[in-house]
Protein backbone atom coordinates (compact mmCIF):
# COMPACT_ATOMS: atom_id res chain seq x y z
CA TYR A 1 -27.15 -2.07 4.63
CA ASP A 2 -30.13 -0.27 5.57
CA ARG A 3 -30.10 -1.94 8.96
CA ILE A 4 -26.67 -0.31 10.70
CA THR A 5 -27.77 0.26 14.20
CA LYS A 6 -24.29 -0.24 15.88
CA GLU A 7 -20.30 -0.03 14.59
CA TYR A 8 -20.64 -3.45 12.77
CA LEU A 9 -22.88 -5.43 10.42
CA LEU A 10 -21.62 -8.80 9.49
CA LEU A 11 -23.80 -10.72 7.10
CA ASP A 12 -22.84 -13.88 7.11
CA PHE A 13 -23.98 -15.90 4.12
CA TRP A 14 -24.48 -19.85 4.62
CA ALA A 15 -26.44 -22.84 3.93
CA SER A 16 -27.56 -25.73 6.42
CA TRP A 17 -25.90 -28.75 4.10
CA CYS A 18 -22.66 -26.82 4.13
CA GLY A 19 -20.15 -28.15 6.09
CA PRO A 20 -17.73 -25.30 6.05
CA CYS A 21 -20.32 -22.95 7.29
CA ILE A 22 -21.87 -24.98 10.51
CA LYS A 23 -17.85 -25.57 11.67
CA GLU A 24 -18.24 -21.53 11.54
CA ILE A 25 -20.86 -21.14 14.22
CA PRO A 26 -19.14 -21.48 17.15
CA ARG A 27 -16.63 -19.21 16.42
CA MET A 28 -18.95 -16.31 15.15
CA LYS A 29 -21.22 -16.87 18.25
CA GLU A 30 -17.87 -16.71 20.62
CA PHE A 31 -17.08 -13.42 18.47
CA TYR A 32 -20.26 -12.32 19.10
CA GLN A 33 -20.84 -12.76 22.50
CA LYS A 34 -17.80 -10.94 23.33
CA ASN A 35 -18.57 -7.58 20.67
CA GLY A 36 -22.39 -7.82 20.50
CA ASP A 37 -22.67 -4.46 21.96
CA ARG A 38 -20.47 -3.08 18.80
CA LEU A 39 -21.70 -5.71 15.97
CA ASP A 40 -24.67 -6.90 14.49
CA ILE A 41 -25.23 -9.63 12.81
CA ILE A 42 -27.58 -11.18 10.22
CA SER A 43 -27.51 -14.92 8.90
CA ILE A 44 -28.30 -14.67 5.60
CA SER A 45 -29.22 -18.51 4.35
CA ILE A 46 -29.05 -19.70 0.58
CA ASP A 47 -31.27 -22.96 1.60
CA LYS A 48 -33.90 -24.08 -1.09
CA ASN A 49 -35.85 -25.93 1.37
CA LYS A 50 -37.16 -23.74 3.82
CA SER A 51 -38.01 -26.68 6.21
CA GLN A 52 -34.44 -28.11 6.28
CA TRP A 53 -33.37 -24.28 6.96
CA LYS A 54 -36.26 -24.23 9.66
CA LYS A 55 -34.70 -27.31 11.33
CA SER A 56 -31.10 -26.38 10.85
CA ASN A 57 -31.73 -23.08 12.32
CA SER A 58 -33.69 -24.55 15.28
CA LYS A 59 -30.22 -26.99 16.00
CA ILE A 60 -27.85 -24.16 15.70
CA ASN A 61 -29.94 -21.73 17.66
CA LEU A 62 -28.51 -18.18 16.65
CA PRO A 63 -28.36 -15.86 19.05
CA TRP A 64 -28.67 -13.09 15.92
CA GLU A 65 -31.36 -12.67 13.13
CA SER A 66 -31.62 -15.69 10.41
CA VAL A 67 -33.41 -14.98 7.60
CA LEU A 68 -33.85 -17.08 4.28
CA ASP A 69 -33.11 -15.92 1.00
CA ASN A 70 -35.41 -17.71 -1.24
CA GLN A 71 -36.61 -14.78 -3.21
CA ALA A 72 -36.87 -14.88 -6.96
CA ILE A 73 -33.07 -15.30 -8.50
CA GLU A 74 -32.79 -11.76 -9.78
CA ASP A 75 -34.35 -11.05 -6.57
CA LYS A 76 -31.66 -12.79 -4.14
CA LEU A 77 -29.35 -10.95 -2.08
CA GLU A 78 -26.75 -13.15 -3.16
CA TYR A 79 -27.61 -13.17 -6.48
CA LYS A 80 -27.13 -8.80 -6.49
CA LEU A 81 -23.43 -9.23 -4.26
CA SER A 82 -22.55 -11.53 -6.62
CA ILE A 83 -22.19 -14.70 -3.90
CA THR A 84 -21.14 -17.25 -5.42
CA SER A 85 -19.94 -19.80 -2.52
CA VAL A 86 -20.58 -20.17 0.55
CA PRO A 87 -19.76 -19.25 3.74
CA ARG A 88 -18.66 -15.45 2.66
CA PHE A 89 -18.56 -12.94 5.16
CA ILE A 90 -19.43 -9.14 4.20
CA LEU A 91 -18.44 -6.83 7.45
CA VAL A 92 -19.42 -3.49 6.71
CA ASN A 93 -18.73 -0.48 9.67
CA LYS A 94 -21.62 2.75 10.27
CA LYS A 95 -20.46 4.25 7.55
CA ARG A 96 -21.28 2.06 4.85
CA GLU A 97 -17.81 1.37 3.80
CA LEU A 98 -16.91 -2.51 3.04
CA ILE A 99 -13.86 -3.31 5.05
CA TYR A 100 -14.26 -7.40 4.19
CA SER A 101 -15.63 -9.96 2.06
CA GLY A 102 -14.75 -12.95 2.20
CA ASN A 103 -14.72 -16.85 3.15
CA GLU A 104 -12.39 -16.77 6.19
CA MET A 105 -14.51 -15.21 9.94
CA SER A 106 -11.20 -15.63 11.41
CA LYS A 107 -9.56 -12.36 8.81
CA ILE A 108 -12.46 -10.60 10.75
CA ILE A 109 -11.43 -11.20 13.78
CA GLU A 110 -7.90 -10.59 13.03
CA MET A 111 -8.85 -7.38 11.25
CA ILE A 112 -11.07 -5.48 13.91
CA ASP A 113 -9.72 -5.31 16.99
CA PHE A 114 -11.98 -5.89 19.59
CA PRO A 115 -11.23 -5.34 23.04
């Protein structure tokens, strides 16, 4: 959470093999295109296969930062945040307050009244 430079930060936990994760990407891109001046997104992949993650990342071409969380299990962010399934979205504000944690991008869009 040290990287909150805008009004909101959305952490997107996903995997290249996750159909629902891939399905949410167009909606996320549209949301980001409209609100990127107020919102940062970091996509965090839980893929175990780095080459598969790179291939998928290249194909979907995210306009925001995308990282692979391939640390030892006790150091993985997904483990520290008790992420048990993907997709998982965590939205925090600049005050580092949790706004949303769940698996529906539509809930974030509904909750945040972006112009």
